[in-house]
PDB file of all heavy atoms in Angstrom:
ATOM      1  N   ASP A   1       0.831  -1.212   0.000  1.00  0.00           N
ATOM      2  CA  ASP A   1       0.000   0.000   0.000  1.00  0.00           C
ATOM      3  C   ASP A   1       0.865   1.262   0.000  1.00  0.00           C
ATOM      4  O   ASP A   1       0.499   2.277  -0.612  1.00  0.00           O
ATOM      5  CB  ASP A   1      -0.938   0.011   1.214  1.00  0.00           C
ATOM      6  CG  ASP A   1      -2.056  -1.023   1.096  1.00  0.00           C
ATOM      7  OD1 ASP A   1      -2.257  -1.531  -0.027  1.00  0.00           O
ATOM      8  OD2 ASP A   1      -2.699  -1.322   2.112  1.00  0.00           O
ATOM      9  N   GLN A   2       1.997   1.204   0.702  1.00  0.00           N
ATOM     10  CA  GLN A   2       2.889   2.360   0.764  1.00  0.00           C
ATOM     11  C   GLN A   2       3.767   2.471  -0.480  1.00  0.00           C
ATOM     12  O   GLN A   2       4.420   3.501  -0.687  1.00  0.00           O
ATOM     13  CB  GLN A   2       3.786   2.258   2.006  1.00  0.00           C
ATOM     14  CG  GLN A   2       3.054   2.418   3.321  1.00  0.00           C
ATOM     15  CD  GLN A   2       2.544   3.840   3.542  1.00  0.00           C
ATOM     16  OE1 GLN A   2       3.014   4.781   2.898  1.00  0.00           O
ATOM     17  NE2 GLN A   2       1.571   4.001   4.412  1.00  0.00           N
ATOM     18  N   GLY A   3       3.806   1.415  -1.302  1.00  0.00           N
ATOM     19  CA  GLY A   3       4.631   1.447  -2.506  1.00  0.00           C
ATOM     20  C   GLY A   3       6.098   1.158  -2.253  1.00  0.00           C
ATOM     21  O   GLY A   3       6.939   1.421  -3.124  1.00  0.00           O
ATOM     22  N   ALA A   4       6.421   0.625  -1.071  1.00  0.00           N
ATOM     23  CA  ALA A   4       7.820   0.336  -0.739  1.00  0.00           C
ATOM     24  C   ALA A   4       8.313  -0.878  -1.525  1.00  0.00           C
ATOM     25  O   ALA A   4       7.525  -1.715  -1.980  1.00  0.00           O
ATOM     26  CB  ALA A   4       7.964   0.084   0.754  1.00  0.00           C
ATOM     27  N   THR A   5       9.626  -0.980  -1.683  1.00  0.00           N
ATOM     28  CA  THR A   5      10.228  -2.129  -2.330  1.00  0.00           C
ATOM     29  C   THR A   5      11.074  -2.881  -1.307  1.00  0.00           C
ATOM     30  O   THR A   5      11.451  -2.328  -0.270  1.00  0.00           O
ATOM     31  CB  THR A   5      11.128  -1.714  -3.512  1.00  0.00           C
ATOM     32  OG1 THR A   5      12.153  -0.834  -3.025  1.00  0.00           O
ATOM     33  CG2 THR A   5      10.333  -1.002  -4.575  1.00  0.00           C
ATOM     34  N   GLY A   6      11.363  -4.153  -1.614  1.00  0.00           N
ATOM     35  CA  GLY A   6      12.211  -4.887  -0.674  1.00  0.00           C
ATOM     36  C   GLY A   6      12.178  -6.378  -0.901  1.00  0.00           C
ATOM     37  O   GLY A   6      11.731  -6.881  -1.938  1.00  0.00           O
ATOM     38  N   VAL A   7      12.674  -7.095   0.109  1.00  0.00           N
ATOM     39  CA  VAL A   7      12.781  -8.543   0.057  1.00  0.00           C
ATOM     40  C   VAL A   7      12.362  -9.106   1.410  1.00  0.00           C
ATOM     41  O   VAL A   7      12.636  -8.510   2.457  1.00  0.00           O
ATOM     42  CB  VAL A   7      14.225  -8.969  -0.311  1.00  0.00           C
ATOM     43  CG1 VAL A   7      15.236  -8.437   0.698  1.00  0.00           C
ATOM     44  CG2 VAL A   7      14.338 -10.486  -0.419  1.00  0.00           C
ATOM     45  N   TYR A   8      11.685 -10.264   1.374  1.00  0.00           N
ATOM     46  CA  TYR A   8      11.188 -10.906   2.591  1.00  0.00           C
ATOM     47  C   TYR A   8      11.603 -12.371   2.525  1.00  0.00           C
ATOM     48  O   TYR A   8      11.065 -13.146   1.736  1.00  0.00           O
ATOM     49  CB  TYR A   8       9.665 -10.762   2.642  1.00  0.00           C
ATOM     50  CG  TYR A   8       8.990 -11.166   3.940  1.00  0.00           C
ATOM     51  CD1 TYR A   8       7.661 -10.824   4.179  1.00  0.00           C
ATOM     52  CD2 TYR A   8       9.647 -11.900   4.928  1.00  0.00           C
ATOM     53  CE1 TYR A   8       7.009 -11.177   5.354  1.00  0.00           C
ATOM     54  CE2 TYR A   8       9.013 -12.254   6.104  1.00  0.00           C
ATOM     55  CZ  TYR A   8       7.692 -11.892   6.309  1.00  0.00           C
ATOM     56  OH  TYR A   8       7.046 -12.251   7.484  1.00  0.00           O
ATOM     57  N   VAL A   9      12.577 -12.763   3.324  1.00  0.00           N
ATOM     58  CA  VAL A   9      12.988 -14.162   3.440  1.00  0.00           C
ATOM     59  C   VAL A   9      12.106 -14.814   4.498  1.00  0.00           C
ATOM     60  O   VAL A   9      12.038 -14.342   5.639  1.00  0.00           O
ATOM     61  CB  VAL A   9      14.475 -14.269   3.835  1.00  0.00           C
ATOM     62  CG1 VAL A   9      14.839 -15.718   4.170  1.00  0.00           C
ATOM     63  CG2 VAL A   9      15.353 -13.736   2.721  1.00  0.00           C
ATOM     64  N   THR A  10      11.440 -15.920   4.124  1.00  0.00           N
ATOM     65  CA  THR A  10      10.465 -16.513   5.044  1.00  0.00           C
ATOM     66  C   THR A  10      10.280 -17.999   4.735  1.00  0.00           C
ATOM     67  O   THR A  10      10.584 -18.468   3.636  1.00  0.00           O
ATOM     68  CB  THR A  10       9.118 -15.789   4.932  1.00  0.00           C
ATOM     69  OG1 THR A  10       8.175 -16.372   5.839  1.00  0.00           O
ATOM     70  CG2 THR A  10       8.559 -15.858   3.515  1.00  0.00           C
ATOM     71  N   PHE A  11       9.787 -18.711   5.721  1.00  0.00           N
ATOM     72  CA  PHE A  11       9.389 -20.095   5.503  1.00  0.00           C
ATOM     73  C   PHE A  11       7.907 -20.178   5.147  1.00  0.00           C
ATOM     74  O   PHE A  11       7.367 -21.259   4.951  1.00  0.00           O
ATOM     75  CB  PHE A  11       9.666 -20.934   6.759  1.00  0.00           C
ATOM     76  CG  PHE A  11       8.927 -20.463   7.973  1.00  0.00           C
ATOM     77  CD1 PHE A  11       7.673 -20.958   8.297  1.00  0.00           C
ATOM     78  CD2 PHE A  11       9.487 -19.493   8.809  1.00  0.00           C
ATOM     79  CE1 PHE A  11       6.996 -20.521   9.424  1.00  0.00           C
ATOM     80  CE2 PHE A  11       8.806 -19.053   9.939  1.00  0.00           C
ATOM     81  CZ  PHE A  11       7.560 -19.562  10.244  1.00  0.00           C
ATOM     82  N   LEU A  12       7.239 -19.033   5.056  1.00  0.00           N
ATOM     83  CA  LEU A  12       5.803 -18.973   4.796  1.00  0.00           C
ATOM     84  C   LEU A  12       5.554 -18.865   3.298  1.00  0.00           C
ATOM     85  O   LEU A  12       5.542 -17.783   2.719  1.00  0.00           O
ATOM     86  CB  LEU A  12       5.191 -17.772   5.519  1.00  0.00           C
ATOM     87  CG  LEU A  12       5.482 -17.685   7.031  1.00  0.00           C
ATOM     88  CD1 LEU A  12       5.030 -16.351   7.588  1.00  0.00           C
ATOM     89  CD2 LEU A  12       4.813 -18.838   7.763  1.00  0.00           C
ATOM     90  N   GLU A  13       5.346 -19.997   2.652  1.00  0.00           N
ATOM     91  CA  GLU A  13       5.180 -20.002   1.207  1.00  0.00           C
ATOM     92  C   GLU A  13       3.892 -19.319   0.775  1.00  0.00           C
ATOM     93  O   GLU A  13       3.781 -18.850  -0.367  1.00  0.00           O
ATOM     94  CB  GLU A  13       5.215 -21.437   0.688  1.00  0.00           C
ATOM     95  CG  GLU A  13       6.555 -22.124   0.915  1.00  0.00           C
ATOM     96  CD  GLU A  13       6.621 -23.508   0.287  1.00  0.00           C
ATOM     97  OE1 GLU A  13       5.561 -23.977  -0.196  1.00  0.00           O
ATOM     98  OE2 GLU A  13       7.708 -24.104   0.266  1.00  0.00           O
ATOM     99  N   GLU A  14       2.929 -19.208   1.687  1.00  0.00           N
ATOM    100  CA  GLU A  14       1.671 -18.555   1.342  1.00  0.00           C
ATOM    101  C   GLU A  14       1.870 -17.093   0.932  1.00  0.00           C
ATOM    102  O   GLU A  14       1.133 -16.560   0.101  1.00  0.00           O
ATOM    103  CB  GLU A  14       0.691 -18.603   2.532  1.00  0.00           C
ATOM    104  CG  GLU A  14       0.250 -19.999   2.913  1.00  0.00           C
ATOM    105  CD  GLU A  14       1.169 -20.674   3.931  1.00  0.00           C
ATOM    106  OE1 GLU A  14       2.350 -20.262   4.008  1.00  0.00           O
ATOM    107  OE2 GLU A  14       0.705 -21.582   4.629  1.00  0.00           O
ATOM    108  N   LEU A  15       2.915 -16.442   1.495  1.00  0.00           N
ATOM    109  CA  LEU A  15       3.143 -15.026   1.201  1.00  0.00           C
ATOM    110  C   LEU A  15       3.655 -14.817  -0.217  1.00  0.00           C
ATOM    111  O   LEU A  15       3.546 -13.713  -0.760  1.00  0.00           O
ATOM    112  CB  LEU A  15       4.134 -14.440   2.202  1.00  0.00           C
ATOM    113  CG  LEU A  15       3.721 -14.488   3.682  1.00  0.00           C
ATOM    114  CD1 LEU A  15       4.789 -13.859   4.554  1.00  0.00           C
ATOM    115  CD2 LEU A  15       2.380 -13.786   3.880  1.00  0.00           C
ATOM    116  N   ALA A  16       4.210 -15.871  -0.827  1.00  0.00           N
ATOM    117  CA  ALA A  16       4.754 -15.729  -2.177  1.00  0.00           C
ATOM    118  C   ALA A  16       3.664 -15.558  -3.224  1.00  0.00           C
ATOM    119  O   ALA A  16       3.935 -15.097  -4.327  1.00  0.00           O
ATOM    120  CB  ALA A  16       5.615 -16.944  -2.519  1.00  0.00           C
ATOM    121  N   GLY A  17       2.430 -15.923  -2.888  1.00  0.00           N
ATOM    122  CA  GLY A  17       1.323 -15.779  -3.830  1.00  0.00           C
ATOM    123  C   GLY A  17       0.389 -14.662  -3.449  1.00  0.00           C
ATOM    124  O   GLY A  17      -0.809 -14.722  -3.759  1.00  0.00           O
ATOM    125  N   PHE A  18       0.895 -13.639  -2.807  1.00  0.00           N
ATOM    126  CA  PHE A  18       0.049 -12.579  -2.256  1.00  0.00           C
ATOM    127  C   PHE A  18      -0.639 -11.767  -3.341  1.00  0.00           C
ATOM    128  O   PHE A  18      -1.754 -11.281  -3.153  1.00  0.00           O
ATOM    129  CB  PHE A  18       0.894 -11.656  -1.375  1.00  0.00           C
ATOM    130  CG  PHE A  18       0.093 -10.816  -0.429  1.00  0.00           C
ATOM    131  CD1 PHE A  18      -0.324 -11.319   0.792  1.00  0.00           C
ATOM    132  CD2 PHE A  18      -0.269  -9.526  -0.770  1.00  0.00           C
ATOM    133  CE1 PHE A  18      -1.063 -10.547   1.662  1.00  0.00           C
ATOM    134  CE2 PHE A  18      -1.013  -8.737   0.088  1.00  0.00           C
ATOM    135  CZ  PHE A  18      -1.407  -9.254   1.312  1.00  0.00           C
ATOM    136  N   GLY A  19       0.009 -11.547  -4.472  1.00  0.00           N
ATOM    137  CA  GLY A  19      -0.588 -10.740  -5.529  1.00  0.00           C
ATOM    138  C   GLY A  19       0.443 -10.370  -6.576  1.00  0.00           C
ATOM    139  O   GLY A  19       1.617 -10.766  -6.492  1.00  0.00           O
ATOM    140  N   PRO A  20       0.043  -9.600  -7.583  1.00  0.00           N
ATOM    141  CA  PRO A  20       0.971  -9.236  -8.670  1.00  0.00           C
ATOM    142  C   PRO A  20       2.136  -8.374  -8.201  1.00  0.00           C
ATOM    143  O   PRO A  20       3.143  -8.271  -8.912  1.00  0.00           O
ATOM    144  CB  PRO A  20       0.082  -8.475  -9.654  1.00  0.00           C
ATOM    145  CG  PRO A  20      -1.067  -7.972  -8.831  1.00  0.00           C
ATOM    146  CD  PRO A  20      -1.296  -9.018  -7.785  1.00  0.00           C
ATOM    147  N   GLU A  21       2.013  -7.766  -7.025  1.00  0.00           N
ATOM    148  CA  GLU A  21       3.114  -6.943  -6.509  1.00  0.00           C
ATOM    149  C   GLU A  21       4.228  -7.777  -5.896  1.00  0.00           C
ATOM    150  O   GLU A  21       5.304  -7.266  -5.596  1.00  0.00           O
ATOM    151  CB  GLU A  21       2.595  -5.960  -5.450  1.00  0.00           C
ATOM    152  CG  GLU A  21       1.571  -4.962  -5.955  1.00  0.00           C
ATOM    153  CD  GLU A  21       0.156  -5.527  -5.903  1.00  0.00           C
ATOM    154  OE1 GLU A  21      -0.008  -6.695  -5.474  1.00  0.00           O
ATOM    155  OE2 GLU A  21      -0.776  -4.812  -6.297  1.00  0.00           O
ATOM    156  N   VAL A  22       3.972  -9.070  -5.693  1.00  0.00           N
ATOM    157  CA  VAL A  22       4.931  -9.952  -5.016  1.00  0.00           C
ATOM    158  C   VAL A  22       5.543 -10.919  -6.021  1.00  0.00           C
ATOM    159  O   VAL A  22       4.838 -11.551  -6.812  1.00  0.00           O
ATOM    160  CB  VAL A  22       4.254 -10.730  -3.870  1.00  0.00           C
ATOM    161  CG1 VAL A  22       5.238 -11.720  -3.250  1.00  0.00           C
ATOM    162  CG2 VAL A  22       3.736  -9.775  -2.814  1.00  0.00           C
ATOM    163  N   VAL A  23       6.868 -11.022  -5.985  1.00  0.00           N
ATOM    164  CA  VAL A  23       7.607 -11.944  -6.839  1.00  0.00           C
ATOM    165  C   VAL A  23       8.138 -13.079  -5.970  1.00  0.00           C
ATOM    166  O   VAL A  23       8.748 -12.836  -4.919  1.00  0.00           O
ATOM    167  CB  VAL A  23       8.783 -11.231  -7.537  1.00  0.00           C
ATOM    168  CG1 VAL A  23       9.667 -12.236  -8.268  1.00  0.00           C
ATOM    169  CG2 VAL A  23       8.262 -10.180  -8.511  1.00  0.00           C
ATOM    170  N   SER A  24       7.917 -14.300  -6.410  1.00  0.00           N
ATOM    171  CA  SER A  24       8.421 -15.463  -5.674  1.00  0.00           C
ATOM    172  C   SER A  24       9.793 -15.852  -6.207  1.00  0.00           C
ATOM    173  O   SER A  24       9.999 -15.985  -7.419  1.00  0.00           O
ATOM    174  CB  SER A  24       7.466 -16.646  -5.829  1.00  0.00           C
ATOM    175  OG  SER A  24       8.037 -17.827  -5.280  1.00  0.00           O
ATOM    176  N   MET A  25      10.732 -16.021  -5.283  1.00  0.00           N
ATOM    177  CA  MET A  25      12.052 -16.546  -5.628  1.00  0.00           C
ATOM    178  C   MET A  25      12.383 -17.664  -4.649  1.00  0.00           C
ATOM    179  O   MET A  25      11.980 -17.615  -3.472  1.00  0.00           O
ATOM    180  CB  MET A  25      13.113 -15.450  -5.593  1.00  0.00           C
ATOM    181  CG  MET A  25      12.872 -14.352  -6.613  1.00  0.00           C
ATOM    182  SD  MET A  25      14.256 -13.170  -6.794  1.00  0.00           S
ATOM    183  CE  MET A  25      15.426 -14.170  -7.730  1.00  0.00           C
ATOM    184  N   VAL A  26      13.125 -18.656  -5.122  1.00  0.00           N
ATOM    185  CA  VAL A  26      13.361 -19.869  -4.340  1.00  0.00           C
ATOM    186  C   VAL A  26      14.847 -20.200  -4.339  1.00  0.00           C
ATOM    187  O   VAL A  26      15.512 -20.114  -5.377  1.00  0.00           O
ATOM    188  CB  VAL A  26      12.560 -21.061  -4.924  1.00  0.00           C
ATOM    189  CG1 VAL A  26      12.806 -22.328  -4.099  1.00  0.00           C
ATOM    190  CG2 VAL A  26      11.066 -20.735  -4.978  1.00  0.00           C
ATOM    191  N   ALA A  27      15.371 -20.561  -3.155  1.00  0.00           N
ATOM    192  CA  ALA A  27      16.748 -21.036  -3.051  1.00  0.00           C
ATOM    193  C   ALA A  27      16.836 -22.400  -3.724  1.00  0.00           C
ATOM    194  O   ALA A  27      16.115 -23.337  -3.365  1.00  0.00           O
ATOM    195  CB  ALA A  27      17.166 -21.119  -1.593  1.00  0.00           C
ATOM    196  N   GLY A  28      17.712 -22.517  -4.723  1.00  0.00           N
ATOM    197  CA  GLY A  28      17.724 -23.697  -5.570  1.00  0.00           C
ATOM    198  C   GLY A  28      18.537 -24.856  -5.016  1.00  0.00           C
ATOM    199  O   GLY A  28      19.407 -24.697  -4.161  1.00  0.00           O
ATOM    200  N   VAL A  29      18.224 -26.041  -5.534  1.00  0.00           N
ATOM    201  CA  VAL A  29      19.022 -27.246  -5.314  1.00  0.00           C
ATOM    202  C   VAL A  29      19.394 -27.795  -6.684  1.00  0.00           C
ATOM    203  O   VAL A  29      18.842 -27.403  -7.711  1.00  0.00           O
ATOM    204  CB  VAL A  29      18.254 -28.305  -4.501  1.00  0.00           C
ATOM    205  CG1 VAL A  29      17.995 -27.804  -3.092  1.00  0.00           C
ATOM    206  CG2 VAL A  29      16.936 -28.659  -5.190  1.00  0.00           C
ATOM    207  N   ASP A  30      20.372 -28.727  -6.730  1.00  0.00           N
ATOM    208  CA  ASP A  30      20.897 -29.186  -8.014  1.00  0.00           C
ATOM    209  C   ASP A  30      19.839 -29.830  -8.893  1.00  0.00           C
ATOM    210  O   ASP A  30      19.746 -29.542 -10.084  1.00  0.00           O
ATOM    211  CB  ASP A  30      22.047 -30.166  -7.791  1.00  0.00           C
ATOM    212  CG  ASP A  30      23.366 -29.427  -7.580  1.00  0.00           C
ATOM    213  OD1 ASP A  30      23.426 -28.234  -7.924  1.00  0.00           O
ATOM    214  OD2 ASP A  30      24.313 -30.033  -7.066  1.00  0.00           O
ATOM    215  N   SER A  31      19.013 -30.713  -8.310  1.00  0.00           N
ATOM    216  CA  SER A  31      17.992 -31.398  -9.099  1.00  0.00           C
ATOM    217  C   SER A  31      17.005 -32.044  -8.142  1.00  0.00           C
ATOM    218  O   SER A  31      17.214 -32.057  -6.932  1.00  0.00           O
ATOM    219  CB  SER A  31      18.630 -32.462  -9.998  1.00  0.00           C
ATOM    220  OG  SER A  31      19.173 -33.508  -9.212  1.00  0.00           O
ATOM    221  N   ASP A  32      15.943 -32.580  -8.703  1.00  0.00           N
ATOM    222  CA  ASP A  32      14.975 -33.272  -7.860  1.00  0.00           C
ATOM    223  C   ASP A  32      15.597 -34.475  -7.166  1.00  0.00           C
ATOM    224  O   ASP A  32      15.160 -34.890  -6.095  1.00  0.00           O
ATOM    225  CB  ASP A  32      13.780 -33.747  -8.706  1.00  0.00           C
ATOM    226  CG  ASP A  32      12.933 -32.571  -9.180  1.00  0.00           C
ATOM    227  OD1 ASP A  32      13.081 -31.473  -8.601  1.00  0.00           O
ATOM    228  OD2 ASP A  32      12.136 -32.757 -10.127  1.00  0.00           O
ATOM    229  N   ALA A  33      16.644 -35.019  -7.756  1.00  0.00           N
ATOM    230  CA  ALA A  33      17.264 -36.211  -7.180  1.00  0.00           C
ATOM    231  C   ALA A  33      18.432 -35.872  -6.259  1.00  0.00           C
ATOM    232  O   ALA A  33      18.969 -36.751  -5.615  1.00  0.00           O
ATOM    233  CB  ALA A  33      17.746 -37.136  -8.294  1.00  0.00           C
ATOM    234  N   ASP A  34      18.817 -34.595  -6.197  1.00  0.00           N
ATOM    235  CA  ASP A  34      19.988 -34.213  -5.400  1.00  0.00           C
ATOM    236  C   ASP A  34      19.679 -32.909  -4.686  1.00  0.00           C
ATOM    237  O   ASP A  34      19.412 -31.894  -5.326  1.00  0.00           O
ATOM    238  CB  ASP A  34      21.203 -34.050  -6.307  1.00  0.00           C
ATOM    239  CG  ASP A  34      22.483 -33.783  -5.512  1.00  0.00           C
ATOM    240  OD1 ASP A  34      22.389 -33.669  -4.273  1.00  0.00           O
ATOM    241  OD2 ASP A  34      23.545 -33.701  -6.137  1.00  0.00           O
ATOM    242  N   ALA A  35      19.691 -32.936  -3.351  1.00  0.00           N
ATOM    243  CA  ALA A  35      19.304 -31.769  -2.566  1.00  0.00           C
ATOM    244  C   ALA A  35      20.473 -30.838  -2.270  1.00  0.00           C
ATOM    245  O   ALA A  35      20.394 -30.000  -1.377  1.00  0.00           O
ATOM    246  CB  ALA A  35      18.680 -32.225  -1.247  1.00  0.00           C
ATOM    247  N   THR A  36      21.591 -30.947  -3.005  1.00  0.00           N
ATOM    248  CA  THR A  36      22.732 -30.067  -2.779  1.00  0.00           C
ATOM    249  C   THR A  36      22.363 -28.633  -3.111  1.00  0.00           C
ATOM    250  O   THR A  36      21.846 -28.347  -4.191  1.00  0.00           O
ATOM    251  CB  THR A  36      23.929 -30.513  -3.642  1.00  0.00           C
ATOM    252  OG1 THR A  36      24.268 -31.852  -3.298  1.00  0.00           O
ATOM    253  CG2 THR A  36      25.127 -29.601  -3.399  1.00  0.00           C
ATOM    254  N   ARG A  37      22.641 -27.714  -2.184  1.00  0.00           N
ATOM    255  CA  ARG A  37      22.295 -26.308  -2.409  1.00  0.00           C
ATOM    256  C   ARG A  37      23.185 -25.716  -3.496  1.00  0.00           C
ATOM    257  O   ARG A  37      24.387 -25.959  -3.529  1.00  0.00           O
ATOM    258  CB  ARG A  37      22.493 -25.485  -1.136  1.00  0.00           C
ATOM    259  CG  ARG A  37      21.360 -25.552  -0.128  1.00  0.00           C
ATOM    260  CD  ARG A  37      21.309 -26.868   0.584  1.00  0.00           C
ATOM    261  NE  ARG A  37      20.504 -26.765   1.807  1.00  0.00           N
ATOM    262  CZ  ARG A  37      20.118 -27.799   2.515  1.00  0.00           C
ATOM    263  NH1 ARG A  37      20.469 -29.025   2.130  1.00  0.00           N
ATOM    264  NH2 ARG A  37      19.415 -27.629   3.610  1.00  0.00           N
ATOM    265  N   THR A  38      22.579 -24.907  -4.342  1.00  0.00           N
ATOM    266  CA  THR A  38      23.344 -24.190  -5.365  1.00  0.00           C
ATOM    267  C   THR A  38      23.635 -22.759  -4.932  1.00  0.00           C
ATOM    268  O   THR A  38      24.482 -22.100  -5.533  1.00  0.00           O
ATOM    269  CB  THR A  38      22.559 -24.134  -6.681  1.00  0.00           C
ATOM    270  OG1 THR A  38      21.370 -23.345  -6.499  1.00  0.00           O
ATOM    271  CG2 THR A  38      22.176 -25.540  -7.148  1.00  0.00           C
ATOM    272  N   PHE A  39      22.900 -22.272  -3.916  1.00  0.00           N
ATOM    273  CA  PHE A  39      22.999 -20.895  -3.436  1.00  0.00           C
ATOM    274  C   PHE A  39      22.578 -19.880  -4.506  1.00  0.00           C
ATOM    275  O   PHE A  39      22.816 -18.691  -4.355  1.00  0.00           O
ATOM    276  CB  PHE A  39      24.407 -20.574  -2.912  1.00  0.00           C
ATOM    277  CG  PHE A  39      24.857 -21.524  -1.845  1.00  0.00           C
ATOM    278  CD1 PHE A  39      25.796 -22.496  -2.121  1.00  0.00           C
ATOM    279  CD2 PHE A  39      24.306 -21.464  -0.573  1.00  0.00           C
ATOM    280  CE1 PHE A  39      26.200 -23.397  -1.134  1.00  0.00           C
ATOM    281  CE2 PHE A  39      24.704 -22.353   0.415  1.00  0.00           C
ATOM    282  CZ  PHE A  39      25.653 -23.322   0.132  1.00  0.00           C
ATOM    283  N   ARG A  40      21.953 -20.392  -5.559  1.00  0.00           N
ATOM    284  CA  ARG A  40      21.335 -19.530  -6.547  1.00  0.00           C
ATOM    285  C   ARG A  40      19.880 -19.317  -6.158  1.00  0.00           C
ATOM    286  O   ARG A  40      19.168 -20.264  -5.823  1.00  0.00           O
ATOM    287  CB  ARG A  40      21.400 -20.171  -7.935  1.00  0.00           C
ATOM    288  CG  ARG A  40      22.805 -20.319  -8.483  1.00  0.00           C
ATOM    289  CD  ARG A  40      23.290 -19.045  -9.114  1.00  0.00           C
ATOM    290  NE  ARG A  40      22.455 -18.648 -10.241  1.00  0.00           N
ATOM    291  CZ  ARG A  40      22.581 -17.494 -10.887  1.00  0.00           C
ATOM    292  NH1 ARG A  40      23.479 -16.618 -10.497  1.00  0.00           N
ATOM    293  NH2 ARG A  40      21.800 -17.216 -11.912  1.00  0.00           N
TER     294      ARG A  40
END
């Protein structure tokens, strides 16, 4: 509502679908078969 910009790191996945003003980004892993973090 205030028009602020920023980033919110959370375990609450529900917030990622809040609306068109919210962009979802996810910490990646190598593949579905390998849970090694890529830090991307």
